[in-house]
Amino acid sequence: MTDLSHLARPGTTLSLRVTPNARTADIRAEGDTIRIRVTVPPEKGKANAAVLKALSKALDVPKSRLEIASGATGRNKTLRIL
């Protein structure tokens, strides 16, 4: 798992590119975008929940401090750290 704790400042926004239903879960920082693969399907918010769980672990912050600011139904998302 990639350590992204250096990005965990309140008010920070992160650009995400999410791949749901992947074979393996993975998080990679590529330039200004964080590419995240989750193994759950994109139905009924399951993929978004998995993204928040994985990012809370990588950022070392509680899930309650993470918010999907835009792109909740798409692959490209903007995440805000509260």
N, C-alpha and C. Protein backbone atom coordinates (compact mmCIF):
# COMPACT_ATOMS: atom_id res chain seq x y z
N MET A 1 0.85 -1.18 0.00
CA MET A 1 0.00 0.00 0.00
C MET A 1 0.89 1.24 0.00
N THR A 2 0.55 2.18 -0.81
CA THR A 2 1.30 3.42 -0.93
C THR A 2 1.02 4.33 0.26
N ASP A 3 2.06 4.93 0.80
CA ASP A 3 1.91 5.87 1.91
C ASP A 3 1.70 7.28 1.34
N LEU A 4 0.53 7.83 1.57
CA LEU A 4 0.20 9.16 1.09
C LEU A 4 -0.03 10.13 2.24
N SER A 5 0.47 9.81 3.42
CA SER A 5 0.20 10.62 4.60
C SER A 5 0.72 12.05 4.47
N HIS A 6 1.70 12.28 3.60
CA HIS A 6 2.21 13.64 3.41
C HIS A 6 1.18 14.55 2.73
N LEU A 7 0.13 13.98 2.14
CA LEU A 7 -0.92 14.76 1.49
C LEU A 7 -2.10 15.07 2.42
N ALA A 8 -2.08 14.52 3.62
CA ALA A 8 -3.23 14.59 4.52
C ALA A 8 -3.28 15.89 5.32
N ARG A 9 -3.53 17.00 4.63
CA ARG A 9 -3.72 18.28 5.31
C ARG A 9 -5.16 18.74 5.11
N PRO A 10 -5.80 19.27 6.14
CA PRO A 10 -7.17 19.74 5.99
C PRO A 10 -7.28 20.77 4.86
N GLY A 11 -8.32 20.62 4.06
CA GLY A 11 -8.55 21.53 2.95
C GLY A 11 -7.93 21.09 1.64
N THR A 12 -7.12 20.04 1.67
CA THR A 12 -6.48 19.54 0.45
C THR A 12 -7.50 18.84 -0.42
N THR A 13 -7.41 19.05 -1.73
CA THR A 13 -8.23 18.30 -2.68
C THR A 13 -7.31 17.43 -3.52
N LEU A 14 -7.76 16.22 -3.77
CA LEU A 14 -6.98 15.26 -4.54
C LEU A 14 -7.78 14.81 -5.76
N SER A 15 -7.12 14.69 -6.89
CA SER A 15 -7.74 14.15 -8.10
C SER A 15 -7.53 12.65 -8.12
N LEU A 16 -8.62 11.91 -8.32
CA LEU A 16 -8.56 10.45 -8.33
C LEU A 16 -9.02 9.91 -9.67
N ARG A 17 -8.43 8.82 -10.07
CA ARG A 17 -8.90 8.03 -11.21
C ARG A 17 -9.15 6.64 -10.66
N VAL A 18 -10.41 6.22 -10.61
CA VAL A 18 -10.80 4.98 -9.95
C VAL A 18 -11.11 3.90 -10.99
N THR A 19 -10.61 2.70 -10.72
CA THR A 19 -10.94 1.53 -11.53
C THR A 19 -11.64 0.54 -10.61
N PRO A 20 -12.97 0.42 -10.74
CA PRO A 20 -13.69 -0.56 -9.91
C PRO A 20 -13.59 -1.95 -10.54
N ASN A 21 -13.92 -2.97 -9.76
CA ASN A 21 -13.97 -4.34 -10.24
C ASN A 21 -12.61 -4.83 -10.75
N ALA A 22 -11.53 -4.34 -10.18
CA ALA A 22 -10.19 -4.75 -10.59
C ALA A 22 -9.84 -6.09 -9.96
N ARG A 23 -8.86 -6.77 -10.52
CA ARG A 23 -8.42 -8.04 -9.95
C ARG A 23 -7.75 -7.86 -8.60
N THR A 24 -6.94 -6.80 -8.49
CA THR A 24 -6.25 -6.52 -7.23
C THR A 24 -6.44 -5.06 -6.86
N ALA A 25 -6.44 -4.80 -5.57
CA ALA A 25 -6.55 -3.42 -5.08
C ALA A 25 -5.16 -2.79 -5.08
N ASP A 26 -5.11 -1.51 -5.46
CA ASP A 26 -3.82 -0.84 -5.58
C ASP A 26 -4.04 0.67 -5.55
N ILE A 27 -3.06 1.39 -5.01
CA ILE A 27 -3.07 2.85 -5.03
C ILE A 27 -1.72 3.31 -5.52
N ARG A 28 -1.73 4.20 -6.53
CA ARG A 28 -0.47 4.74 -7.07
C ARG A 28 -0.64 6.23 -7.30
N ALA A 29 0.37 6.99 -6.97
CA ALA A 29 0.39 8.41 -7.28
C ALA A 29 1.10 8.57 -8.62
N GLU A 30 0.40 9.17 -9.59
CA GLU A 30 0.98 9.40 -10.91
C GLU A 30 0.82 10.88 -11.22
N GLY A 31 1.87 11.64 -10.98
CA GLY A 31 1.81 13.08 -11.19
C GLY A 31 0.86 13.71 -10.19
N ASP A 32 -0.11 14.46 -10.70
CA ASP A 32 -1.09 15.12 -9.83
C ASP A 32 -2.31 14.26 -9.56
N THR A 33 -2.35 13.07 -10.12
CA THR A 33 -3.51 12.19 -9.99
C THR A 33 -3.14 10.95 -9.19
N ILE A 34 -4.09 10.52 -8.38
CA ILE A 34 -3.92 9.27 -7.65
C ILE A 34 -4.80 8.23 -8.34
N ARG A 35 -4.17 7.17 -8.81
CA ARG A 35 -4.89 6.07 -9.46
C ARG A 35 -5.16 5.01 -8.40
N ILE A 36 -6.43 4.66 -8.26
CA ILE A 36 -6.81 3.68 -7.25
C ILE A 36 -7.66 2.60 -7.90
N ARG A 37 -7.30 1.36 -7.62
CA ARG A 37 -8.06 0.21 -8.12
C ARG A 37 -8.67 -0.49 -6.92
N VAL A 38 -9.97 -0.78 -7.02
CA VAL A 38 -10.67 -1.51 -5.96
C VAL A 38 -11.30 -2.75 -6.56
N THR A 39 -11.50 -3.76 -5.75
CA THR A 39 -11.98 -5.04 -6.25
C THR A 39 -13.50 -5.18 -6.25
N VAL A 40 -14.20 -4.19 -5.72
CA VAL A 40 -15.66 -4.27 -5.64
C VAL A 40 -16.30 -3.62 -6.86
N PRO A 41 -17.52 -4.06 -7.22
CA PRO A 41 -18.19 -3.48 -8.38
C PRO A 41 -18.76 -2.10 -8.07
N PRO A 42 -18.99 -1.31 -9.11
CA PRO A 42 -19.51 0.05 -8.91
C PRO A 42 -21.04 0.08 -8.81
N GLU A 43 -21.56 -0.56 -7.80
CA GLU A 43 -23.02 -0.57 -7.64
C GLU A 43 -23.40 -0.18 -6.22
N LYS A 44 -24.40 0.67 -6.13
CA LYS A 44 -24.95 1.12 -4.85
C LYS A 44 -23.89 1.72 -3.91
N GLY A 45 -22.88 2.39 -4.48
CA GLY A 45 -21.88 3.07 -3.66
C GLY A 45 -20.82 2.19 -3.06
N LYS A 46 -20.79 0.91 -3.43
CA LYS A 46 -19.80 -0.01 -2.85
C LYS A 46 -18.38 0.38 -3.23
N ALA A 47 -18.17 0.76 -4.49
CA ALA A 47 -16.82 1.15 -4.93
C ALA A 47 -16.38 2.42 -4.23
N ASN A 48 -17.27 3.40 -4.08
CA ASN A 48 -16.91 4.64 -3.38
C ASN A 48 -16.54 4.35 -1.93
N ALA A 49 -17.27 3.46 -1.29
CA ALA A 49 -16.96 3.10 0.10
C ALA A 49 -15.58 2.44 0.18
N ALA A 50 -15.26 1.58 -0.79
CA ALA A 50 -13.95 0.93 -0.81
C ALA A 50 -12.84 1.94 -1.07
N VAL A 51 -13.11 2.93 -1.92
CA VAL A 51 -12.13 3.98 -2.20
C VAL A 51 -11.84 4.77 -0.93
N LEU A 52 -12.89 5.17 -0.23
CA LEU A 52 -12.71 5.94 1.00
C LEU A 52 -11.97 5.13 2.06
N LYS A 53 -12.28 3.85 2.16
CA LYS A 53 -11.61 3.00 3.15
C LYS A 53 -10.12 2.87 2.83
N ALA A 54 -9.80 2.61 1.56
CA ALA A 54 -8.40 2.45 1.16
C ALA A 54 -7.63 3.75 1.32
N LEU A 55 -8.24 4.87 0.93
CA LEU A 55 -7.54 6.15 1.04
C LEU A 55 -7.38 6.59 2.49
N SER A 56 -8.34 6.25 3.34
CA SER A 56 -8.18 6.62 4.75
C SER A 56 -6.98 5.88 5.35
N LYS A 57 -6.76 4.66 4.91
CA LYS A 57 -5.61 3.90 5.38
C LYS A 57 -4.31 4.47 4.80
N ALA A 58 -4.31 4.80 3.50
CA ALA A 58 -3.10 5.32 2.85
C ALA A 58 -2.74 6.72 3.35
N LEU A 59 -3.76 7.53 3.65
CA LEU A 59 -3.53 8.89 4.12
C LEU A 59 -3.36 8.95 5.64
N ASP A 60 -3.71 7.86 6.32
CA ASP A 60 -3.64 7.77 7.77
C ASP A 60 -4.54 8.81 8.44
N VAL A 61 -5.78 8.89 7.93
CA VAL A 61 -6.81 9.77 8.51
C VAL A 61 -8.10 8.95 8.62
N PRO A 62 -8.99 9.33 9.53
CA PRO A 62 -10.27 8.63 9.62
C PRO A 62 -11.14 8.88 8.39
N LYS A 63 -11.98 7.90 8.06
CA LYS A 63 -12.87 8.04 6.89
C LYS A 63 -13.79 9.25 7.03
N SER A 64 -14.11 9.63 8.25
CA SER A 64 -15.01 10.76 8.47
C SER A 64 -14.39 12.08 8.01
N ARG A 65 -13.08 12.13 7.81
CA ARG A 65 -12.42 13.35 7.32
C ARG A 65 -12.29 13.38 5.81
N LEU A 66 -12.80 12.37 5.12
CA LEU A 66 -12.72 12.31 3.66
C LEU A 66 -14.10 12.51 3.05
N GLU A 67 -14.14 13.26 1.97
CA GLU A 67 -15.41 13.55 1.31
C GLU A 67 -15.19 13.55 -0.21
N ILE A 68 -16.07 12.86 -0.93
CA ILE A 68 -16.01 12.92 -2.39
C ILE A 68 -16.71 14.20 -2.80
N ALA A 69 -15.92 15.17 -3.27
CA ALA A 69 -16.45 16.49 -3.60
C ALA A 69 -17.16 16.49 -4.95
N SER A 70 -16.65 15.71 -5.90
CA SER A 70 -17.31 15.62 -7.21
C SER A 70 -16.95 14.29 -7.85
N GLY A 71 -17.81 13.86 -8.77
CA GLY A 71 -17.55 12.63 -9.51
C GLY A 71 -17.98 11.37 -8.81
N ALA A 72 -18.97 11.45 -7.95
CA ALA A 72 -19.39 10.28 -7.18
C ALA A 72 -19.84 9.11 -8.06
N THR A 73 -20.34 9.39 -9.26
CA THR A 73 -20.81 8.32 -10.13
C THR A 73 -19.89 8.04 -11.31
N GLY A 74 -18.75 8.70 -11.36
CA GLY A 74 -17.81 8.50 -12.47
C GLY A 74 -16.48 7.95 -12.00
N ARG A 75 -15.59 7.71 -12.95
CA ARG A 75 -14.26 7.20 -12.62
C ARG A 75 -13.32 8.31 -12.13
N ASN A 76 -13.52 9.51 -12.63
CA ASN A 76 -12.70 10.65 -12.20
C ASN A 76 -13.41 11.33 -11.04
N LYS A 77 -12.72 11.42 -9.92
CA LYS A 77 -13.31 11.98 -8.71
C LYS A 77 -12.39 13.04 -8.12
N THR A 78 -12.99 13.92 -7.36
CA THR A 78 -12.23 14.89 -6.57
C THR A 78 -12.54 14.59 -5.11
N LEU A 79 -11.50 14.37 -4.34
CA LEU A 79 -11.63 14.05 -2.93
C LEU A 79 -11.15 15.23 -2.10
N ARG A 80 -11.91 15.59 -1.08
CA ARG A 80 -11.53 16.69 -0.18
C ARG A 80 -11.24 16.12 1.19
N ILE A 81 -10.15 16.59 1.78
CA ILE A 81 -9.81 16.19 3.14
C ILE A 81 -10.31 17.28 4.08
N LEU A 82 -11.16 16.90 5.01
CA LEU A 82 -11.76 17.86 5.94
C LEU A 82 -10.88 18.05 7.16
